Amino acid sequence: MDLVIRTRRGLRTAAAYVRSAPGTYLWLAVLFVTTVALHHMSPQFEQHFLRQRSTNIHELSQNPVRVLVASAMWIQGGHWLPYVLLYTVFHAPAERWLGTARWLAVCASAHVLASLISELALLVAIHDGMAPHSAVNTLDIGVSYALAGVMAVLTYRIRAPWRYLYLTALLAYYTVPLATDRTFTDFGHFLSVLIGFACYPLTRGPEKARNPKETPVTTRG
């Protein structure tokens, strides 16, 4: 009987947490549906299908709004479960802290601006002969730019000195690939982090920064 009670309490707590970050878990639900859909496609059709929803130079020149929205609804590679962890660790706390509207503003800013600027840099590289012309159709979908932006804005949620440890780890995670591989996606991720930092005005509010050693605040809702 005790196990049943604890299980019910655990389920109620989990359900309350999900309700406290509706945007995060609605997005995850969409990603689950689209990931299942990808598993039912042939590899050849999947590549063609995703390329039409990619924020590459060709698609952005044809219908930028459509691909900027659509590209954030698919995961390349077909592995959904890791994103449950990433969304729960980063997106959900950010949404609970900022509120859905401001959290979504951070996500949209990082996703849209990093996509446009990194593709513009790629276009310049093609023009200068530093990248092949076929790169205009490069496959570029996913949620990683928005995730990087949210990870960056969460820096303001953490109290010093933990903030500086988190900041160091975050910068190392995104600057090392940029320095070694120097792909346009690495550049996009680094831009997303900078955009997340620039979203500081959205974090202004009465709630103080959180100490990771403190007990989490009781779930709202």
C-alpha atoms as a PDB file:
ATOM      1  CA  MET A   1       0.000   0.000   0.000  1.00  0.00           C
ATOM      2  CA  ASP A   2       2.855   2.397   0.820  1.00  0.00           C
ATOM      3  CA  LEU A   3       4.375   1.715  -2.586  1.00  0.00           C
ATOM      4  CA  VAL A   4       1.069   2.526  -4.276  1.00  0.00           C
ATOM      5  CA  ILE A   5       0.759   5.785  -2.330  1.00  0.00           C
ATOM      6  CA  ARG A   6       4.326   6.810  -3.122  1.00  0.00           C
ATOM      7  CA  THR A   7       3.779   5.970  -6.789  1.00  0.00           C
ATOM      8  CA  ARG A   8       0.632   8.093  -6.938  1.00  0.00           C
ATOM      9  CA  ARG A   9       2.400  10.984  -5.231  1.00  0.00           C
ATOM     10  CA  GLY A  10       5.297  10.665  -7.654  1.00  0.00           C
ATOM     11  CA  LEU A  11       2.936  10.698 -10.616  1.00  0.00           C
ATOM     12  CA  ARG A  12       1.088  13.740  -9.262  1.00  0.00           C
ATOM     13  CA  THR A  13       4.386  15.552  -8.723  1.00  0.00           C
ATOM     14  CA  ALA A  14       5.555  14.701 -12.249  1.00  0.00           C
ATOM     15  CA  ALA A  15       2.225  15.798 -13.730  1.00  0.00           C
ATOM     16  CA  ALA A  16       2.368  19.083 -11.807  1.00  0.00           C
ATOM     17  CA  TYR A  17       5.894  19.703 -13.078  1.00  0.00           C
ATOM     18  CA  VAL A  18       4.823  19.077 -16.668  1.00  0.00           C
ATOM     19  CA  ARG A  19       1.890  21.485 -16.235  1.00  0.00           C
ATOM     20  CA  SER A  20       4.276  24.120 -14.888  1.00  0.00           C
ATOM     21  CA  ALA A  21       6.202  24.104 -18.205  1.00  0.00           C
ATOM     22  CA  PRO A  22       3.491  23.530 -20.846  1.00  0.00           C
ATOM     23  CA  GLY A  23       5.489  24.893 -23.777  1.00  0.00           C
ATOM     24  CA  THR A  24       8.435  22.626 -23.093  1.00  0.00           C
ATOM     25  CA  TYR A  25       6.428  19.436 -22.948  1.00  0.00           C
ATOM     26  CA  LEU A  26       4.093  20.348 -25.796  1.00  0.00           C
ATOM     27  CA  TRP A  27       7.210  20.852 -27.930  1.00  0.00           C
ATOM     28  CA  LEU A  28       8.515  17.477 -26.776  1.00  0.00           C
ATOM     29  CA  ALA A  29       5.197  15.885 -27.721  1.00  0.00           C
ATOM     30  CA  VAL A  30       5.445  17.363 -31.226  1.00  0.00           C
ATOM     31  CA  LEU A  31       9.020  16.077 -31.519  1.00  0.00           C
ATOM     32  CA  PHE A  32       7.843  12.617 -30.455  1.00  0.00           C
ATOM     33  CA  VAL A  33       5.213  12.542 -33.206  1.00  0.00           C
ATOM     34  CA  THR A  34       7.621  13.780 -35.880  1.00  0.00           C
ATOM     35  CA  THR A  35      10.327  11.350 -34.747  1.00  0.00           C
ATOM     36  CA  VAL A  36       7.910   8.428 -35.021  1.00  0.00           C
ATOM     37  CA  ALA A  37       6.997   9.680 -38.497  1.00  0.00           C
ATOM     38  CA  LEU A  38      10.669   9.698 -39.508  1.00  0.00           C
ATOM     39  CA  HIS A  39      11.058   6.080 -38.435  1.00  0.00           C
ATOM     40  CA  HIS A  40       8.403   5.132 -40.979  1.00  0.00           C
ATOM     41  CA  MET A  41      10.229   6.795 -43.889  1.00  0.00           C
ATOM     42  CA  SER A  42      12.825   5.232 -46.132  1.00  0.00           C
ATOM     43  CA  PRO A  43      16.335   6.730 -45.716  1.00  0.00           C
ATOM     44  CA  GLN A  44      16.218   8.266 -49.191  1.00  0.00           C
ATOM     45  CA  PHE A  45      12.807   9.858 -48.699  1.00  0.00           C
ATOM     46  CA  GLU A  46      13.755  11.019 -45.200  1.00  0.00           C
ATOM     47  CA  GLN A  47      16.705  13.035 -46.504  1.00  0.00           C
ATOM     48  CA  HIS A  48      14.568  14.623 -49.217  1.00  0.00           C
ATOM     49  CA  PHE A  49      11.757  15.325 -46.749  1.00  0.00           C
ATOM     50  CA  LEU A  50      14.025  16.921 -44.141  1.00  0.00           C
ATOM     51  CA  ARG A  51      15.933  18.982 -46.687  1.00  0.00           C
ATOM     52  CA  GLN A  52      12.656  20.677 -47.652  1.00  0.00           C
ATOM     53  CA  ARG A  53      12.259  21.673 -43.976  1.00  0.00           C
ATOM     54  CA  SER A  54      15.865  22.687 -43.522  1.00  0.00           C
ATOM     55  CA  THR A  55      17.074  26.208 -42.844  1.00  0.00           C
ATOM     56  CA  ASN A  56      19.597  25.972 -45.669  1.00  0.00           C
ATOM     57  CA  ILE A  57      20.277  28.815 -48.079  1.00  0.00           C
ATOM     58  CA  HIS A  58      18.030  27.452 -50.830  1.00  0.00           C
ATOM     59  CA  GLU A  59      14.972  26.913 -48.626  1.00  0.00           C
ATOM     60  CA  LEU A  60      15.442  30.197 -46.759  1.00  0.00           C
ATOM     61  CA  SER A  61      15.463  32.031 -50.089  1.00  0.00           C
ATOM     62  CA  GLN A  62      12.180  30.362 -51.088  1.00  0.00           C
ATOM     63  CA  ASN A  63      10.067  30.390 -47.932  1.00  0.00           C
ATOM     64  CA  PRO A  64      11.978  31.567 -44.857  1.00  0.00           C
ATOM     65  CA  VAL A  65       9.081  31.645 -42.392  1.00  0.00           C
ATOM     66  CA  ARG A  66       7.934  28.121 -43.234  1.00  0.00           C
ATOM     67  CA  VAL A  67      11.362  26.512 -42.859  1.00  0.00           C
ATOM     68  CA  LEU A  68      12.283  28.473 -39.727  1.00  0.00           C
ATOM     69  CA  VAL A  69       9.186  27.083 -38.032  1.00  0.00           C
ATOM     70  CA  ALA A  70       9.306  23.611 -39.561  1.00  0.00           C
ATOM     71  CA  SER A  71      13.004  23.043 -38.857  1.00  0.00           C
ATOM     72  CA  ALA A  72      12.338  23.331 -35.114  1.00  0.00           C
ATOM     73  CA  MET A  73       9.831  20.468 -35.220  1.00  0.00           C
ATOM     74  CA  TRP A  74      12.149  17.682 -36.359  1.00  0.00           C
ATOM     75  CA  ILE A  75      15.153  15.870 -34.903  1.00  0.00           C
ATOM     76  CA  GLN A  76      17.816  14.610 -37.239  1.00  0.00           C
ATOM     77  CA  GLY A  77      18.924  11.117 -36.260  1.00  0.00           C
ATOM     78  CA  GLY A  78      15.622   9.872 -34.866  1.00  0.00           C
ATOM     79  CA  HIS A  79      16.593   9.689 -31.169  1.00  0.00           C
ATOM     80  CA  TRP A  80      13.908  11.329 -29.044  1.00  0.00           C
ATOM     81  CA  LEU A  81      14.637  10.141 -25.498  1.00  0.00           C
ATOM     82  CA  PRO A  82      17.840  12.204 -24.990  1.00  0.00           C
ATOM     83  CA  TYR A  83      15.794  15.322 -25.674  1.00  0.00           C
ATOM     84  CA  VAL A  84      13.402  14.429 -22.853  1.00  0.00           C
ATOM     85  CA  LEU A  85      16.352  14.748 -20.484  1.00  0.00           C
ATOM     86  CA  LEU A  86      17.724  17.914 -22.124  1.00  0.00           C
ATOM     87  CA  TYR A  87      14.329  19.633 -22.194  1.00  0.00           C
ATOM     88  CA  THR A  88      13.641  18.694 -18.575  1.00  0.00           C
ATOM     89  CA  VAL A  89      17.045  19.889 -17.368  1.00  0.00           C
ATOM     90  CA  PHE A  90      17.206  23.145 -19.353  1.00  0.00           C
ATOM     91  CA  HIS A  91      13.977  24.168 -21.083  1.00  0.00           C
ATOM     92  CA  ALA A  92      11.543  23.330 -18.281  1.00  0.00           C
ATOM     93  CA  PRO A  93      13.415  25.290 -15.553  1.00  0.00           C
ATOM     94  CA  ALA A  94      13.801  28.236 -17.934  1.00  0.00           C
ATOM     95  CA  GLU A  95      10.096  28.243 -18.783  1.00  0.00           C
ATOM     96  CA  ARG A  96       9.082  27.955 -15.129  1.00  0.00           C
ATOM     97  CA  TRP A  97      11.412  30.821 -14.263  1.00  0.00           C
ATOM     98  CA  LEU A  98      10.707  33.205 -17.150  1.00  0.00           C
ATOM     99  CA  GLY A  99       7.149  32.217 -17.965  1.00  0.00           C
ATOM    100  CA  THR A 100       6.112  30.662 -21.248  1.00  0.00           C
ATOM    101  CA  ALA A 101       6.071  33.886 -23.287  1.00  0.00           C
ATOM    102  CA  ARG A 102       9.572  35.057 -22.327  1.00  0.00           C
ATOM    103  CA  TRP A 103      11.008  31.542 -22.551  1.00  0.00           C
ATOM    104  CA  LEU A 104       9.558  31.226 -26.052  1.00  0.00           C
ATOM    105  CA  ALA A 105      11.055  34.607 -26.959  1.00  0.00           C
ATOM    106  CA  VAL A 106      14.510  33.324 -25.974  1.00  0.00           C
ATOM    107  CA  CYS A 107      14.015  30.113 -27.967  1.00  0.00           C
ATOM    108  CA  ALA A 108      12.751  31.943 -31.054  1.00  0.00           C
ATOM    109  CA  SER A 109      15.499  34.570 -30.923  1.00  0.00           C
ATOM    110  CA  ALA A 110      18.274  31.989 -30.692  1.00  0.00           C
ATOM    111  CA  HIS A 111      16.776  29.685 -33.324  1.00  0.00           C
ATOM    112  CA  VAL A 112      15.910  32.353 -35.885  1.00  0.00           C
ATOM    113  CA  LEU A 113      18.867  34.709 -35.528  1.00  0.00           C
ATOM    114  CA  ALA A 114      21.498  31.978 -35.293  1.00  0.00           C
ATOM    115  CA  SER A 115      20.013  30.204 -38.328  1.00  0.00           C
ATOM    116  CA  LEU A 116      19.945  33.365 -40.445  1.00  0.00           C
ATOM    117  CA  ILE A 117      23.384  34.655 -39.451  1.00  0.00           C
ATOM    118  CA  SER A 118      25.137  31.293 -39.800  1.00  0.00           C
ATOM    119  CA  GLU A 119      23.573  30.711 -43.220  1.00  0.00           C
ATOM    120  CA  LEU A 120      24.593  34.212 -44.268  1.00  0.00           C
ATOM    121  CA  ALA A 121      28.164  33.380 -43.224  1.00  0.00           C
ATOM    122  CA  LEU A 122      27.942  30.180 -45.265  1.00  0.00           C
ATOM    123  CA  LEU A 123      26.683  32.155 -48.263  1.00  0.00           C
ATOM    124  CA  VAL A 124      29.686  34.473 -47.988  1.00  0.00           C
ATOM    125  CA  ALA A 125      31.984  31.440 -47.783  1.00  0.00           C
ATOM    126  CA  ILE A 126      30.429  30.010 -50.957  1.00  0.00           C
ATOM    127  CA  HIS A 127      30.795  33.354 -52.723  1.00  0.00           C
ATOM    128  CA  ASP A 128      34.463  33.543 -51.705  1.00  0.00           C
ATOM    129  CA  GLY A 129      35.150  29.982 -52.836  1.00  0.00           C
ATOM    130  CA  MET A 130      35.726  28.695 -49.304  1.00  0.00           C
ATOM    131  CA  ALA A 131      32.731  26.323 -49.476  1.00  0.00           C
ATOM    132  CA  PRO A 132      31.232  24.385 -52.405  1.00  0.00           C
ATOM    133  CA  HIS A 133      28.102  25.678 -54.112  1.00  0.00           C
ATOM    134  CA  SER A 134      26.304  22.464 -53.118  1.00  0.00           C
ATOM    135  CA  ALA A 135      26.327  23.785 -49.550  1.00  0.00           C
ATOM    136  CA  VAL A 136      23.235  25.847 -50.390  1.00  0.00           C
ATOM    137  CA  ASN A 137      21.268  22.613 -49.888  1.00  0.00           C
ATOM    138  CA  THR A 138      22.986  21.565 -46.670  1.00  0.00           C
ATOM    139  CA  LEU A 139      20.665  19.758 -44.250  1.00  0.00           C
ATOM    140  CA  ASP A 140      20.171  21.970 -41.200  1.00  0.00           C
ATOM    141  CA  ILE A 141      17.241  21.103 -38.955  1.00  0.00           C
ATOM    142  CA  GLY A 142      16.742  20.619 -35.257  1.00  0.00           C
ATOM    143  CA  VAL A 143      16.326  22.314 -31.920  1.00  0.00           C
ATOM    144  CA  SER A 144      19.933  22.765 -30.861  1.00  0.00           C
ATOM    145  CA  TYR A 145      20.153  26.525 -31.474  1.00  0.00           C
ATOM    146  CA  ALA A 146      17.160  27.179 -29.227  1.00  0.00           C
ATOM    147  CA  LEU A 147      18.587  24.813 -26.623  1.00  0.00           C
ATOM    148  CA  ALA A 148      21.955  26.600 -26.633  1.00  0.00           C
ATOM    149  CA  GLY A 149      20.222  29.960 -26.209  1.00  0.00           C
ATOM    150  CA  VAL A 150      18.218  28.705 -23.248  1.00  0.00           C
ATOM    151  CA  MET A 151      21.291  27.126 -21.678  1.00  0.00           C
ATOM    152  CA  ALA A 152      22.987  30.525 -21.905  1.00  0.00           C
ATOM    153  CA  VAL A 153      20.110  32.530 -20.416  1.00  0.00           C
ATOM    154  CA  LEU A 154      19.959  30.111 -17.475  1.00  0.00           C
ATOM    155  CA  THR A 155      23.345  31.503 -16.429  1.00  0.00           C
ATOM    156  CA  TYR A 156      21.425  34.413 -14.897  1.00  0.00           C
ATOM    157  CA  ARG A 157      19.315  31.965 -12.875  1.00  0.00           C
ATOM    158  CA  ILE A 158      22.282  30.542 -10.957  1.00  0.00           C
ATOM    159  CA  ARG A 159      23.822  32.292  -7.976  1.00  0.00           C
ATOM    160  CA  ALA A 160      27.551  32.986  -7.762  1.00  0.00           C
ATOM    161  CA  PRO A 161      29.979  31.228  -7.466  1.00  0.00           C
ATOM    162  CA  TRP A 162      28.108  28.362  -9.180  1.00  0.00           C
ATOM    163  CA  ARG A 163      27.216  30.732 -12.000  1.00  0.00           C
ATOM    164  CA  TYR A 164      30.862  31.054 -13.026  1.00  0.00           C
ATOM    165  CA  LEU A 165      31.438  27.304 -13.023  1.00  0.00           C
ATOM    166  CA  TYR A 166      28.360  26.832 -15.201  1.00  0.00           C
ATOM    167  CA  LEU A 167      29.433  29.676 -17.489  1.00  0.00           C
ATOM    168  CA  THR A 168      32.923  28.230 -17.910  1.00  0.00           C
ATOM    169  CA  ALA A 169      31.573  24.778 -18.767  1.00  0.00           C
ATOM    170  CA  LEU A 170      29.020  26.241 -21.185  1.00  0.00           C
ATOM    171  CA  LEU A 171      31.549  28.353 -23.046  1.00  0.00           C
ATOM    172  CA  ALA A 172      34.025  25.486 -23.243  1.00  0.00           C
ATOM    173  CA  TYR A 173      31.344  23.172 -24.627  1.00  0.00           C
ATOM    174  CA  TYR A 174      30.501  25.528 -27.487  1.00  0.00           C
ATOM    175  CA  THR A 175      33.812  27.287 -28.195  1.00  0.00           C
ATOM    176  CA  VAL A 176      36.050  24.207 -28.466  1.00  0.00           C
ATOM    177  CA  PRO A 177      34.158  22.770 -31.494  1.00  0.00           C
ATOM    178  CA  LEU A 178      34.107  26.243 -33.077  1.00  0.00           C
ATOM    179  CA  ALA A 179      37.886  26.548 -32.683  1.00  0.00           C
ATOM    180  CA  THR A 180      38.665  23.024 -33.921  1.00  0.00           C
ATOM    181  CA  ASP A 181      36.032  22.117 -36.531  1.00  0.00           C
ATOM    182  CA  ARG A 182      34.840  25.591 -37.565  1.00  0.00           C
ATOM    183  CA  THR A 183      31.653  24.431 -39.296  1.00  0.00           C
ATOM    184  CA  PHE A 184      28.726  26.758 -39.863  1.00  0.00           C
ATOM    185  CA  THR A 185      26.678  24.798 -37.311  1.00  0.00           C
ATOM    186  CA  ASP A 186      29.399  25.280 -34.689  1.00  0.00           C
ATOM    187  CA  PHE A 187      29.259  28.974 -35.518  1.00  0.00           C
ATOM    188  CA  GLY A 188      25.465  28.864 -35.181  1.00  0.00           C
ATOM    189  CA  HIS A 189      25.675  27.244 -31.760  1.00  0.00           C
ATOM    190  CA  PHE A 190      28.158  29.835 -30.555  1.00  0.00           C
ATOM    191  CA  LEU A 191      25.906  32.605 -31.858  1.00  0.00           C
ATOM    192  CA  SER A 192      22.974  31.032 -30.020  1.00  0.00           C
ATOM    193  CA  VAL A 193      24.886  31.228 -26.755  1.00  0.00           C
ATOM    194  CA  LEU A 194      25.666  34.908 -27.336  1.00  0.00           C
ATOM    195  CA  ILE A 195      22.010  35.558 -28.174  1.00  0.00           C
ATOM    196  CA  GLY A 196      20.983  33.794 -24.964  1.00  0.00           C
ATOM    197  CA  PHE A 197      23.309  36.056 -22.980  1.00  0.00           C
ATOM    198  CA  ALA A 198      21.819  39.072 -24.780  1.00  0.00           C
ATOM    199  CA  CYS A 199      18.362  38.066 -23.527  1.00  0.00           C
ATOM    200  CA  TYR A 200      19.252  39.296 -20.041  1.00  0.00           C
ATOM    201  CA  PRO A 201      16.517  41.997 -20.106  1.00  0.00           C
ATOM    202  CA  LEU A 202      13.944  39.184 -20.299  1.00  0.00           C
ATOM    203  CA  THR A 203      15.230  37.781 -16.997  1.00  0.00           C
ATOM    204  CA  ARG A 204      14.574  40.916 -14.980  1.00  0.00           C
ATOM    205  CA  GLY A 205      12.085  40.145 -12.252  1.00  0.00           C
ATOM    206  CA  PRO A 206      11.559  39.824  -8.516  1.00  0.00           C
ATOM    207  CA  GLU A 207      12.832  36.243  -8.233  1.00  0.00           C
ATOM    208  CA  LYS A 208      16.441  35.894  -7.058  1.00  0.00           C
ATOM    209  CA  ALA A 209      19.053  33.661  -8.623  1.00  0.00           C
ATOM    210  CA  ARG A 210      18.955  30.065  -7.428  1.00  0.00           C
ATOM    211  CA  ASN A 211      21.673  28.267  -5.501  1.00  0.00           C
ATOM    212  CA  PRO A 212      22.028  24.703  -6.895  1.00  0.00           C
ATOM    213  CA  LYS A 213      22.449  23.406  -3.307  1.00  0.00           C
ATOM    214  CA  GLU A 214      19.052  24.734  -2.259  1.00  0.00           C
ATOM    215  CA  THR A 215      15.943  22.587  -2.275  1.00  0.00           C
ATOM    216  CA  PRO A 216      13.898  23.300  -5.427  1.00  0.00           C
ATOM    217  CA  VAL A 217      10.873  25.516  -5.015  1.00  0.00           C
ATOM    218  CA  THR A 218       7.586  23.639  -4.728  1.00  0.00           C
ATOM    219  CA  THR A 219       6.083  23.064  -8.161  1.00  0.00           C
ATOM    220  CA  ARG A 220       3.448  25.598  -9.126  1.00  0.00           C
ATOM    221  CA  GLY A 221       0.047  24.665 -10.452  1.00  0.00           C
END
